[in-house]
Amino acid sequence: MIVYWLLSYIIGNFLTAWWIGKWKSVDLRQQRSGNLGARNAGAILGKTAFVLTFLGDAGKGALVVWIGFFYHFSIWEIAVAGLAVVLGHLFPFWLKYRGGKGIAAFIGVTFCLTPDLFLAMFILFLAFFPWLKSATLSMLASFAGFIAMAVILNVWLVIWPLIGAIIIIVIKHKTDIEESFNGRFRSSSL
């Protein structure tokens, strides 16, 4: 089990944006936000880089879940691996613990492990985005929906590692959340 969790963290260390940046001779850590995720890759290298980065990072989350299912691990054990892959993405040891922000990896995990909670999260994101006009703020609403559905369905004790991943992702997005909130609500109230 420990080997599975460690492997999940190592898989999380595969940062698609870093490899795409290397292929394009661009160090994304030195560009704009310095984040090694889909949004920064897309802003610097275009839509194709965004899509490839998103799919690569979501794919590693899905891979970790698939490995867990293949070996018939419990949902709780796979959820811990999901947290580990997100932590590997956020804090890759080989890049001095400066990685991405974990959204795509989390999406890959939840899409495969908890499709009902993923669906609630996705619907809430789509519902809030037209009003908030911010992917970051809509993400907060969708995360709240994920946690609420976990409590309603009484599965939160099994998937608590994913709730832990949400908390860490939100902390990593603190600056983005403040900027988005100020841009959306402060400017409209002036």
N, C-alpha and C. Protein backbone atom coordinates (compact mmCIF):
# COMPACT_ATOMS: atom_id res chain seq x y z
N MET A 1 0.82 -1.20 0.00
CA MET A 1 0.00 0.00 0.00
C MET A 1 0.86 1.26 0.00
N ILE A 2 1.88 1.29 0.86
CA ILE A 2 2.77 2.45 0.92
C ILE A 2 3.46 2.63 -0.43
N VAL A 3 3.82 1.53 -1.07
CA VAL A 3 4.47 1.60 -2.39
C VAL A 3 3.53 2.26 -3.40
N TYR A 4 2.26 1.89 -3.36
CA TYR A 4 1.25 2.48 -4.25
C TYR A 4 1.13 3.98 -4.02
N TRP A 5 1.10 4.38 -2.77
CA TRP A 5 0.98 5.81 -2.47
C TRP A 5 2.23 6.58 -2.90
N LEU A 6 3.40 5.99 -2.65
CA LEU A 6 4.64 6.64 -3.10
C LEU A 6 4.70 6.74 -4.62
N LEU A 7 4.29 5.67 -5.29
CA LEU A 7 4.25 5.68 -6.76
C LEU A 7 3.31 6.76 -7.25
N SER A 8 2.19 6.94 -6.57
CA SER A 8 1.21 7.97 -6.95
C SER A 8 1.83 9.36 -6.83
N TYR A 9 2.57 9.59 -5.75
CA TYR A 9 3.26 10.88 -5.60
C TYR A 9 4.26 11.08 -6.74
N ILE A 10 5.00 10.03 -7.08
CA ILE A 10 6.00 10.13 -8.15
C ILE A 10 5.32 10.39 -9.49
N ILE A 11 4.20 9.71 -9.75
CA ILE A 11 3.44 9.97 -10.98
C ILE A 11 3.00 11.42 -11.02
N GLY A 12 2.59 11.95 -9.87
CA GLY A 12 2.19 13.36 -9.79
C GLY A 12 3.32 14.31 -10.16
N ASN A 13 4.55 13.86 -10.00
CA ASN A 13 5.73 14.68 -10.33
C ASN A 13 5.91 14.88 -11.83
N PHE A 14 5.20 14.10 -12.63
CA PHE A 14 5.28 14.27 -14.09
C PHE A 14 4.43 15.49 -14.45
N LEU A 15 5.09 16.61 -14.67
CA LEU A 15 4.39 17.87 -14.95
C LEU A 15 4.35 18.10 -16.45
N THR A 16 3.19 17.89 -17.03
CA THR A 16 3.04 17.99 -18.48
C THR A 16 3.50 19.35 -19.00
N ALA A 17 3.16 20.41 -18.29
CA ALA A 17 3.53 21.76 -18.74
C ALA A 17 5.04 21.93 -18.82
N TRP A 18 5.75 21.33 -17.91
CA TRP A 18 7.21 21.44 -17.93
C TRP A 18 7.77 20.81 -19.19
N TRP A 19 7.24 19.61 -19.53
CA TRP A 19 7.73 18.91 -20.72
C TRP A 19 7.34 19.62 -22.01
N ILE A 20 6.12 20.17 -22.05
CA ILE A 20 5.70 20.92 -23.24
C ILE A 20 6.54 22.18 -23.37
N GLY A 21 6.80 22.85 -22.25
CA GLY A 21 7.66 24.02 -22.27
C GLY A 21 9.06 23.68 -22.76
N LYS A 22 9.59 22.56 -22.30
CA LYS A 22 10.92 22.12 -22.72
C LYS A 22 10.94 21.85 -24.22
N TRP A 23 9.88 21.22 -24.71
CA TRP A 23 9.76 20.93 -26.14
C TRP A 23 9.73 22.23 -26.96
N LYS A 24 9.10 23.27 -26.41
CA LYS A 24 9.01 24.57 -27.09
C LYS A 24 10.14 25.52 -26.68
N SER A 25 11.11 25.02 -25.91
CA SER A 25 12.25 25.82 -25.44
C SER A 25 11.83 27.01 -24.60
N VAL A 26 10.82 26.80 -23.75
CA VAL A 26 10.33 27.86 -22.86
C VAL A 26 10.28 27.29 -21.44
N ASP A 27 10.86 28.01 -20.50
CA ASP A 27 10.75 27.61 -19.09
C ASP A 27 9.55 28.33 -18.50
N LEU A 28 8.45 27.62 -18.38
CA LEU A 28 7.21 28.23 -17.91
C LEU A 28 7.31 28.74 -16.47
N ARG A 29 8.31 28.26 -15.74
CA ARG A 29 8.50 28.76 -14.37
C ARG A 29 8.96 30.20 -14.37
N GLN A 30 9.47 30.67 -15.50
CA GLN A 30 9.95 32.04 -15.62
C GLN A 30 8.95 32.95 -16.34
N GLN A 31 7.79 32.42 -16.68
CA GLN A 31 6.81 33.17 -17.47
C GLN A 31 5.54 33.41 -16.65
N ARG A 32 4.99 34.61 -16.76
CA ARG A 32 3.74 35.01 -16.11
C ARG A 32 3.66 34.54 -14.66
N SER A 33 2.74 33.61 -14.35
CA SER A 33 2.55 33.19 -12.95
C SER A 33 3.67 32.26 -12.47
N GLY A 34 4.42 31.68 -13.40
CA GLY A 34 5.45 30.72 -13.02
C GLY A 34 4.90 29.36 -12.68
N ASN A 35 3.60 29.20 -12.84
CA ASN A 35 2.90 27.97 -12.51
C ASN A 35 3.06 26.94 -13.63
N LEU A 36 3.30 25.70 -13.26
CA LEU A 36 3.43 24.63 -14.25
C LEU A 36 2.11 23.89 -14.40
N GLY A 37 1.11 24.63 -14.85
CA GLY A 37 -0.21 24.06 -15.06
C GLY A 37 -0.78 24.46 -16.40
N ALA A 38 -1.98 23.98 -16.69
CA ALA A 38 -2.60 24.19 -17.99
C ALA A 38 -2.86 25.66 -18.30
N ARG A 39 -3.30 26.42 -17.30
CA ARG A 39 -3.65 27.82 -17.55
C ARG A 39 -2.42 28.62 -17.98
N ASN A 40 -1.33 28.48 -17.26
CA ASN A 40 -0.10 29.21 -17.62
C ASN A 40 0.46 28.71 -18.95
N ALA A 41 0.42 27.40 -19.16
CA ALA A 41 0.90 26.85 -20.44
C ALA A 41 0.09 27.40 -21.59
N GLY A 42 -1.22 27.48 -21.41
CA GLY A 42 -2.08 28.02 -22.45
C GLY A 42 -1.85 29.50 -22.70
N ALA A 43 -1.64 30.26 -21.63
CA ALA A 43 -1.42 31.70 -21.76
C ALA A 43 -0.12 32.00 -22.51
N ILE A 44 0.90 31.17 -22.30
CA ILE A 44 2.20 31.40 -22.90
C ILE A 44 2.33 30.72 -24.27
N LEU A 45 1.86 29.50 -24.36
CA LEU A 45 2.12 28.69 -25.56
C LEU A 45 0.90 28.42 -26.43
N GLY A 46 -0.28 28.85 -26.00
CA GLY A 46 -1.47 28.71 -26.83
C GLY A 46 -2.41 27.60 -26.38
N LYS A 47 -3.54 27.52 -27.12
CA LYS A 47 -4.62 26.59 -26.75
C LYS A 47 -4.19 25.13 -26.79
N THR A 48 -3.38 24.78 -27.77
CA THR A 48 -2.94 23.38 -27.87
C THR A 48 -2.16 22.99 -26.62
N ALA A 49 -1.29 23.88 -26.16
CA ALA A 49 -0.52 23.60 -24.93
C ALA A 49 -1.44 23.47 -23.74
N PHE A 50 -2.49 24.30 -23.69
CA PHE A 50 -3.47 24.20 -22.60
C PHE A 50 -4.12 22.83 -22.60
N VAL A 51 -4.63 22.41 -23.77
CA VAL A 51 -5.35 21.14 -23.88
C VAL A 51 -4.43 19.97 -23.56
N LEU A 52 -3.22 19.97 -24.12
CA LEU A 52 -2.28 18.88 -23.88
C LEU A 52 -1.89 18.81 -22.40
N THR A 53 -1.66 19.96 -21.80
CA THR A 53 -1.29 19.99 -20.38
C THR A 53 -2.44 19.49 -19.52
N PHE A 54 -3.64 19.97 -19.80
CA PHE A 54 -4.81 19.54 -19.04
C PHE A 54 -5.00 18.03 -19.14
N LEU A 55 -4.95 17.51 -20.37
CA LEU A 55 -5.15 16.07 -20.57
C LEU A 55 -4.04 15.25 -19.91
N GLY A 56 -2.80 15.72 -20.02
CA GLY A 56 -1.69 15.00 -19.39
C GLY A 56 -1.81 14.97 -17.88
N ASP A 57 -2.16 16.11 -17.29
CA ASP A 57 -2.27 16.18 -15.83
C ASP A 57 -3.50 15.44 -15.31
N ALA A 58 -4.63 15.54 -16.04
CA ALA A 58 -5.81 14.77 -15.66
C ALA A 58 -5.55 13.28 -15.85
N GLY A 59 -4.80 12.96 -16.90
CA GLY A 59 -4.48 11.57 -17.19
C GLY A 59 -3.70 10.89 -16.08
N LYS A 60 -2.80 11.63 -15.45
CA LYS A 60 -2.03 10.99 -14.37
C LYS A 60 -2.91 10.73 -13.16
N GLY A 61 -3.89 11.61 -12.92
CA GLY A 61 -4.86 11.34 -11.85
C GLY A 61 -5.68 10.10 -12.16
N ALA A 62 -6.12 9.98 -13.42
CA ALA A 62 -6.89 8.81 -13.84
C ALA A 62 -6.04 7.55 -13.76
N LEU A 63 -4.77 7.64 -14.12
CA LEU A 63 -3.87 6.49 -14.08
C LEU A 63 -3.74 5.93 -12.67
N VAL A 64 -3.59 6.81 -11.71
CA VAL A 64 -3.45 6.38 -10.32
C VAL A 64 -4.71 5.63 -9.85
N VAL A 65 -5.88 6.14 -10.25
CA VAL A 65 -7.14 5.47 -9.90
C VAL A 65 -7.20 4.11 -10.59
N TRP A 66 -6.84 4.06 -11.86
CA TRP A 66 -6.87 2.80 -12.61
C TRP A 66 -5.97 1.76 -11.94
N ILE A 67 -4.79 2.16 -11.53
CA ILE A 67 -3.87 1.24 -10.85
C ILE A 67 -4.54 0.69 -9.58
N GLY A 68 -5.18 1.58 -8.83
CA GLY A 68 -5.87 1.16 -7.61
C GLY A 68 -6.98 0.16 -7.89
N PHE A 69 -7.78 0.41 -8.93
CA PHE A 69 -8.84 -0.53 -9.30
C PHE A 69 -8.25 -1.86 -9.78
N PHE A 70 -7.18 -1.77 -10.53
CA PHE A 70 -6.54 -2.98 -11.07
C PHE A 70 -6.10 -3.92 -9.94
N TYR A 71 -5.57 -3.33 -8.87
CA TYR A 71 -5.11 -4.14 -7.73
C TYR A 71 -6.18 -4.32 -6.65
N HIS A 72 -7.41 -3.90 -6.97
CA HIS A 72 -8.56 -4.09 -6.07
C HIS A 72 -8.36 -3.43 -4.71
N PHE A 73 -7.75 -2.25 -4.71
CA PHE A 73 -7.63 -1.50 -3.47
C PHE A 73 -8.98 -0.90 -3.11
N SER A 74 -9.15 -0.58 -1.84
CA SER A 74 -10.41 0.03 -1.41
C SER A 74 -10.49 1.48 -1.91
N ILE A 75 -11.70 2.01 -1.89
CA ILE A 75 -11.91 3.40 -2.32
C ILE A 75 -11.07 4.35 -1.47
N TRP A 76 -11.03 4.09 -0.16
CA TRP A 76 -10.24 4.94 0.73
C TRP A 76 -8.76 4.92 0.34
N GLU A 77 -8.23 3.74 0.06
CA GLU A 77 -6.81 3.62 -0.32
C GLU A 77 -6.53 4.34 -1.64
N ILE A 78 -7.48 4.24 -2.56
CA ILE A 78 -7.32 4.94 -3.84
C ILE A 78 -7.44 6.45 -3.63
N ALA A 79 -8.33 6.87 -2.74
CA ALA A 79 -8.47 8.30 -2.43
C ALA A 79 -7.17 8.86 -1.86
N VAL A 80 -6.48 8.10 -1.02
CA VAL A 80 -5.18 8.54 -0.50
C VAL A 80 -4.19 8.68 -1.65
N ALA A 81 -4.24 7.74 -2.60
CA ALA A 81 -3.37 7.83 -3.78
C ALA A 81 -3.73 9.07 -4.61
N GLY A 82 -5.02 9.39 -4.66
CA GLY A 82 -5.46 10.61 -5.36
C GLY A 82 -4.87 11.85 -4.72
N LEU A 83 -4.88 11.88 -3.39
CA LEU A 83 -4.25 12.99 -2.68
C LEU A 83 -2.75 13.02 -2.99
N ALA A 84 -2.12 11.84 -3.02
CA ALA A 84 -0.68 11.77 -3.27
C ALA A 84 -0.32 12.28 -4.66
N VAL A 85 -1.13 11.94 -5.68
CA VAL A 85 -0.82 12.41 -7.03
C VAL A 85 -0.98 13.93 -7.12
N VAL A 86 -1.98 14.47 -6.43
CA VAL A 86 -2.15 15.93 -6.40
C VAL A 86 -0.96 16.58 -5.68
N LEU A 87 -0.54 16.00 -4.57
CA LEU A 87 0.63 16.55 -3.85
C LEU A 87 1.89 16.47 -4.72
N GLY A 88 2.03 15.40 -5.48
CA GLY A 88 3.17 15.28 -6.38
C GLY A 88 3.16 16.36 -7.44
N HIS A 89 1.96 16.71 -7.91
CA HIS A 89 1.83 17.78 -8.90
C HIS A 89 2.12 19.15 -8.29
N LEU A 90 1.61 19.37 -7.09
CA LEU A 90 1.81 20.65 -6.42
C LEU A 90 3.26 20.84 -5.95
N PHE A 91 3.85 19.76 -5.44
CA PHE A 91 5.17 19.84 -4.81
C PHE A 91 6.12 18.78 -5.38
N PRO A 92 6.52 18.92 -6.65
CA PRO A 92 7.43 17.93 -7.24
C PRO A 92 8.83 18.07 -6.66
N PHE A 93 9.35 16.97 -6.12
CA PHE A 93 10.65 17.02 -5.45
C PHE A 93 11.77 17.43 -6.41
N TRP A 94 11.68 17.08 -7.67
CA TRP A 94 12.76 17.33 -8.61
C TRP A 94 12.76 18.77 -9.15
N LEU A 95 11.72 19.53 -8.83
CA LEU A 95 11.66 20.94 -9.23
C LEU A 95 11.59 21.84 -8.00
N LYS A 96 12.25 21.42 -6.94
CA LYS A 96 12.31 22.18 -5.69
C LYS A 96 10.91 22.50 -5.16
N TYR A 97 10.00 21.54 -5.35
CA TYR A 97 8.64 21.62 -4.82
C TYR A 97 7.82 22.77 -5.39
N ARG A 98 8.15 23.20 -6.61
CA ARG A 98 7.38 24.25 -7.30
C ARG A 98 6.73 23.64 -8.54
N GLY A 99 5.45 23.28 -8.41
CA GLY A 99 4.76 22.65 -9.52
C GLY A 99 3.56 23.45 -9.98
N GLY A 100 2.49 22.74 -10.27
CA GLY A 100 1.25 23.37 -10.70
C GLY A 100 0.34 23.62 -9.52
N LYS A 101 -0.96 23.76 -9.82
CA LYS A 101 -1.92 24.05 -8.76
C LYS A 101 -2.93 22.94 -8.54
N GLY A 102 -2.80 21.84 -9.28
CA GLY A 102 -3.50 20.61 -8.93
C GLY A 102 -4.89 20.38 -9.46
N ILE A 103 -5.48 21.34 -10.15
CA ILE A 103 -6.87 21.20 -10.59
C ILE A 103 -7.05 20.02 -11.56
N ALA A 104 -6.24 19.97 -12.61
CA ALA A 104 -6.42 18.92 -13.62
C ALA A 104 -6.17 17.53 -13.03
N ALA A 105 -5.15 17.40 -12.19
CA ALA A 105 -4.89 16.10 -11.56
C ALA A 105 -6.08 15.69 -10.69
N PHE A 106 -6.64 16.65 -9.95
CA PHE A 106 -7.81 16.38 -9.11
C PHE A 106 -9.00 15.97 -9.97
N ILE A 107 -9.20 16.64 -11.08
CA ILE A 107 -10.30 16.30 -11.99
C ILE A 107 -10.14 14.87 -12.50
N GLY A 108 -8.93 14.49 -12.88
CA GLY A 108 -8.69 13.13 -13.35
C GLY A 108 -9.02 12.09 -12.30
N VAL A 109 -8.64 12.37 -11.06
CA VAL A 109 -8.92 11.44 -9.96
C VAL A 109 -10.42 11.33 -9.73
N THR A 110 -11.09 12.46 -9.58
CA THR A 110 -12.52 12.43 -9.22
C THR A 110 -13.38 11.91 -10.36
N PHE A 111 -13.02 12.21 -11.60
CA PHE A 111 -13.79 11.73 -12.75
C PHE A 111 -13.83 10.21 -12.75
N CYS A 112 -12.73 9.58 -12.39
CA CYS A 112 -12.64 8.12 -12.42
C CYS A 112 -13.04 7.45 -11.11
N LEU A 113 -12.77 8.10 -10.00
CA LEU A 113 -13.03 7.46 -8.69
C LEU A 113 -14.42 7.76 -8.15
N THR A 114 -14.87 9.00 -8.27
CA THR A 114 -16.16 9.41 -7.71
C THR A 114 -16.96 10.16 -8.78
N PRO A 115 -17.42 9.46 -9.81
CA PRO A 115 -18.10 10.15 -10.92
C PRO A 115 -19.34 10.93 -10.50
N ASP A 116 -20.06 10.45 -9.48
CA ASP A 116 -21.24 11.19 -9.02
C ASP A 116 -20.84 12.52 -8.38
N LEU A 117 -19.79 12.52 -7.57
CA LEU A 117 -19.32 13.76 -6.96
C LEU A 117 -18.69 14.67 -8.02
N PHE A 118 -18.00 14.08 -8.98
CA PHE A 118 -17.45 14.86 -10.09
C PHE A 118 -18.57 15.56 -10.85
N LEU A 119 -19.66 14.84 -11.11
CA LEU A 119 -20.78 15.41 -11.85
C LEU A 119 -21.37 16.60 -11.10
N ALA A 120 -21.54 16.45 -9.78
CA ALA A 120 -22.05 17.58 -8.98
C ALA A 120 -21.11 18.77 -9.08
N MET A 121 -19.82 18.50 -9.01
CA MET A 121 -18.82 19.56 -9.10
C MET A 121 -18.89 20.25 -10.47
N PHE A 122 -19.00 19.46 -11.52
CA PHE A 122 -19.03 19.98 -12.89
C PHE A 122 -20.29 20.82 -13.13
N ILE A 123 -21.44 20.32 -12.67
CA ILE A 123 -22.70 21.06 -12.85
C ILE A 123 -22.65 22.39 -12.12
N LEU A 124 -22.13 22.39 -10.90
CA LEU A 124 -22.04 23.65 -10.16
C LEU A 124 -21.08 24.63 -10.83
N PHE A 125 -19.98 24.12 -11.37
CA PHE A 125 -19.06 24.98 -12.09
C PHE A 125 -19.78 25.66 -13.25
N LEU A 126 -20.51 24.88 -14.04
CA LEU A 126 -21.24 25.43 -15.19
C LEU A 126 -22.34 26.39 -14.75
N ALA A 127 -22.97 26.11 -13.61
CA ALA A 127 -24.05 26.97 -13.12
C ALA A 127 -23.53 28.31 -12.64
N PHE A 128 -22.37 28.31 -11.98
CA PHE A 128 -21.85 29.55 -11.40
C PHE A 128 -21.03 30.38 -12.38
N PHE A 129 -20.45 29.75 -13.38
CA PHE A 129 -19.54 30.48 -14.27
C PHE A 129 -20.21 31.67 -14.98
N PRO A 130 -21.43 31.53 -15.53
CA PRO A 130 -22.05 32.70 -16.20
C PRO A 130 -22.26 33.88 -15.26
N TRP A 131 -22.52 33.62 -13.99
CA TRP A 131 -22.74 34.70 -13.03
C TRP A 131 -21.42 35.27 -12.52
N LEU A 132 -20.49 34.39 -12.15
CA LEU A 132 -19.23 34.85 -11.57
C LEU A 132 -18.23 35.32 -12.62
N LYS A 133 -18.35 34.77 -13.84
CA LYS A 133 -17.42 35.11 -14.94
C LYS A 133 -15.96 34.91 -14.54
N SER A 134 -15.73 33.89 -13.73
CA SER A 134 -14.38 33.58 -13.24
C SER A 134 -14.28 32.08 -13.01
N ALA A 135 -13.32 31.44 -13.70
CA ALA A 135 -13.11 30.01 -13.49
C ALA A 135 -12.65 29.74 -12.05
N THR A 136 -11.85 30.64 -11.50
CA THR A 136 -11.33 30.45 -10.15
C THR A 136 -12.45 30.49 -9.11
N LEU A 137 -13.34 31.48 -9.20
CA LEU A 137 -14.43 31.58 -8.24
C LEU A 137 -15.46 30.47 -8.46
N SER A 138 -15.70 30.09 -9.70
CA SER A 138 -16.62 28.99 -9.99
C SER A 138 -16.06 27.68 -9.45
N MET A 139 -14.73 27.57 -9.45
CA MET A 139 -14.07 26.39 -8.88
C MET A 139 -14.41 26.27 -7.40
N LEU A 140 -14.43 27.39 -6.68
CA LEU A 140 -14.78 27.35 -5.25
C LEU A 140 -16.18 26.81 -5.04
N ALA A 141 -17.11 27.27 -5.87
CA ALA A 141 -18.49 26.79 -5.77
C ALA A 141 -18.57 25.30 -6.07
N SER A 142 -17.82 24.86 -7.08
CA SER A 142 -17.85 23.45 -7.45
C SER A 142 -17.22 22.58 -6.36
N PHE A 143 -16.15 23.07 -5.74
CA PHE A 143 -15.54 22.33 -4.63
C PHE A 143 -16.50 22.22 -3.45
N ALA A 144 -17.22 23.31 -3.18
CA ALA A 144 -18.21 23.28 -2.10
C ALA A 144 -19.28 22.24 -2.40
N GLY A 145 -19.68 22.15 -3.66
CA GLY A 145 -20.66 21.15 -4.08
C GLY A 145 -20.14 19.74 -3.92
N PHE A 146 -18.87 19.54 -4.25
CA PHE A 146 -18.24 18.21 -4.09
C PHE A 146 -18.31 17.78 -2.63
N ILE A 147 -17.91 18.68 -1.74
CA ILE A 147 -17.90 18.36 -0.31
C ILE A 147 -19.32 18.15 0.21
N ALA A 148 -20.26 19.01 -0.21
CA ALA A 148 -21.65 18.88 0.23
C ALA A 148 -22.24 17.54 -0.21
N MET A 149 -21.98 17.14 -1.45
CA MET A 149 -22.50 15.86 -1.95
C MET A 149 -21.85 14.69 -1.22
N ALA A 150 -20.57 14.82 -0.88
CA ALA A 150 -19.90 13.76 -0.13
C ALA A 150 -20.56 13.56 1.23
N VAL A 151 -20.98 14.67 1.85
CA VAL A 151 -21.65 14.59 3.15
C VAL A 151 -23.07 14.03 2.96
N ILE A 152 -23.79 14.54 1.96
CA ILE A 152 -25.17 14.08 1.71
C ILE A 152 -25.20 12.58 1.41
N LEU A 153 -24.26 12.12 0.59
CA LEU A 153 -24.21 10.70 0.22
C LEU A 153 -23.52 9.85 1.30
N ASN A 154 -23.06 10.52 2.34
CA ASN A 154 -22.41 9.85 3.48
C ASN A 154 -21.18 9.03 3.06
N VAL A 155 -20.38 9.64 2.17
CA VAL A 155 -19.14 8.97 1.74
C VAL A 155 -17.91 9.77 2.17
N TRP A 156 -18.11 10.84 2.89
CA TRP A 156 -16.98 11.72 3.21
C TRP A 156 -15.93 11.02 4.06
N LEU A 157 -16.34 10.04 4.88
CA LEU A 157 -15.36 9.32 5.70
C LEU A 157 -14.45 8.43 4.85
N VAL A 158 -14.92 8.06 3.67
CA VAL A 158 -14.13 7.22 2.77
C VAL A 158 -13.25 8.07 1.85
N ILE A 159 -13.80 9.20 1.41
CA ILE A 159 -13.06 10.02 0.44
C ILE A 159 -12.45 11.28 1.06
N TRP A 160 -12.30 11.28 2.38
CA TRP A 160 -11.75 12.47 3.05
C TRP A 160 -10.40 12.90 2.47
N PRO A 161 -9.54 11.99 1.96
CA PRO A 161 -8.28 12.49 1.38
C PRO A 161 -8.51 13.44 0.21
N LEU A 162 -9.61 13.24 -0.52
CA LEU A 162 -9.91 14.15 -1.64
C LEU A 162 -10.38 15.50 -1.12
N ILE A 163 -11.08 15.50 0.01
CA ILE A 163 -11.46 16.77 0.64
C ILE A 163 -10.20 17.49 1.11
N GLY A 164 -9.24 16.72 1.63
CA GLY A 164 -7.94 17.30 1.99
C GLY A 164 -7.24 17.91 0.78
N ALA A 165 -7.33 17.22 -0.36
CA ALA A 165 -6.73 17.75 -1.60
C ALA A 165 -7.38 19.07 -1.99
N ILE A 166 -8.71 19.15 -1.84
CA ILE A 166 -9.43 20.40 -2.15
C ILE A 166 -8.90 21.54 -1.28
N ILE A 167 -8.74 21.29 0.00
CA ILE A 167 -8.27 22.33 0.92
C ILE A 167 -6.88 22.82 0.50
N ILE A 168 -6.00 21.89 0.17
CA ILE A 168 -4.65 22.27 -0.24
C ILE A 168 -4.67 23.04 -1.57
N ILE A 169 -5.50 22.60 -2.51
CA ILE A 169 -5.62 23.30 -3.80
C ILE A 169 -6.12 24.72 -3.59
N VAL A 170 -7.13 24.88 -2.73
CA VAL A 170 -7.66 26.23 -2.46
C VAL A 170 -6.58 27.11 -1.84
N ILE A 171 -5.80 26.57 -0.92
CA ILE A 171 -4.71 27.35 -0.31
C ILE A 171 -3.71 27.77 -1.39
N LYS A 172 -3.39 26.86 -2.31
CA LYS A 172 -2.46 27.19 -3.40
C LYS A 172 -3.02 28.27 -4.32
N HIS A 173 -4.35 28.37 -4.39
CA HIS A 173 -5.01 29.35 -5.26
C HIS A 173 -5.35 30.65 -4.52
N LYS A 174 -4.87 30.82 -3.30
CA LYS A 174 -5.25 31.97 -2.47
C LYS A 174 -5.12 33.30 -3.21
N THR A 175 -3.98 33.54 -3.83
CA THR A 175 -3.76 34.80 -4.54
C THR A 175 -4.72 34.94 -5.72
N ASP A 176 -4.90 33.86 -6.48
CA ASP A 176 -5.83 33.89 -7.62
C ASP A 176 -7.25 34.18 -7.15
N ILE A 177 -7.63 33.58 -6.04
CA ILE A 177 -8.98 33.78 -5.51
C ILE A 177 -9.18 35.24 -5.12
N GLU A 178 -8.20 35.81 -4.43
CA GLU A 178 -8.30 37.22 -4.02
C GLU A 178 -8.38 38.13 -5.24
N GLU A 179 -7.54 37.89 -6.24
CA GLU A 179 -7.56 38.72 -7.46
C GLU A 179 -8.89 38.59 -8.19
N SER A 180 -9.38 37.36 -8.31
CA SER A 180 -10.65 37.13 -9.00
C SER A 180 -11.81 37.77 -8.25
N PHE A 181 -11.81 37.63 -6.92
CA PHE A 181 -12.88 38.21 -6.11
C PHE A 181 -12.87 39.73 -6.25
N ASN A 182 -11.69 40.33 -6.12
CA ASN A 182 -11.59 41.79 -6.24
C ASN A 182 -11.98 42.26 -7.63
N GLY A 183 -11.54 41.53 -8.64
CA GLY A 183 -11.88 41.90 -10.02
C GLY A 183 -13.35 41.77 -10.31
N ARG A 184 -14.00 40.79 -9.73
CA ARG A 184 -15.41 40.54 -10.03
C ARG A 184 -16.34 41.40 -9.20
N PHE A 185 -16.05 41.54 -7.90
CA PHE A 185 -17.01 42.20 -7.00
C PHE A 185 -16.63 43.61 -6.61
N ARG A 186 -15.34 43.87 -6.41
CA ARG A 186 -14.94 45.23 -6.00
C ARG A 186 -15.11 46.21 -7.15
N SER A 187 -14.69 45.80 -8.36
CA SER A 187 -14.77 46.72 -9.49
C SER A 187 -16.22 46.98 -9.89
N SER A 188 -17.11 45.96 -9.73
CA SER A 188 -18.49 46.15 -10.11
C SER A 188 -19.27 46.99 -9.09
N SER A 189 -18.73 47.11 -7.87
CA SER A 189 -19.43 47.90 -6.86
C SER A 189 -18.99 49.37 -6.86
N LEU A 190 -17.95 49.68 -7.64
CA LEU A 190 -17.48 51.08 -7.69
C LEU A 190 -18.31 51.92 -8.63
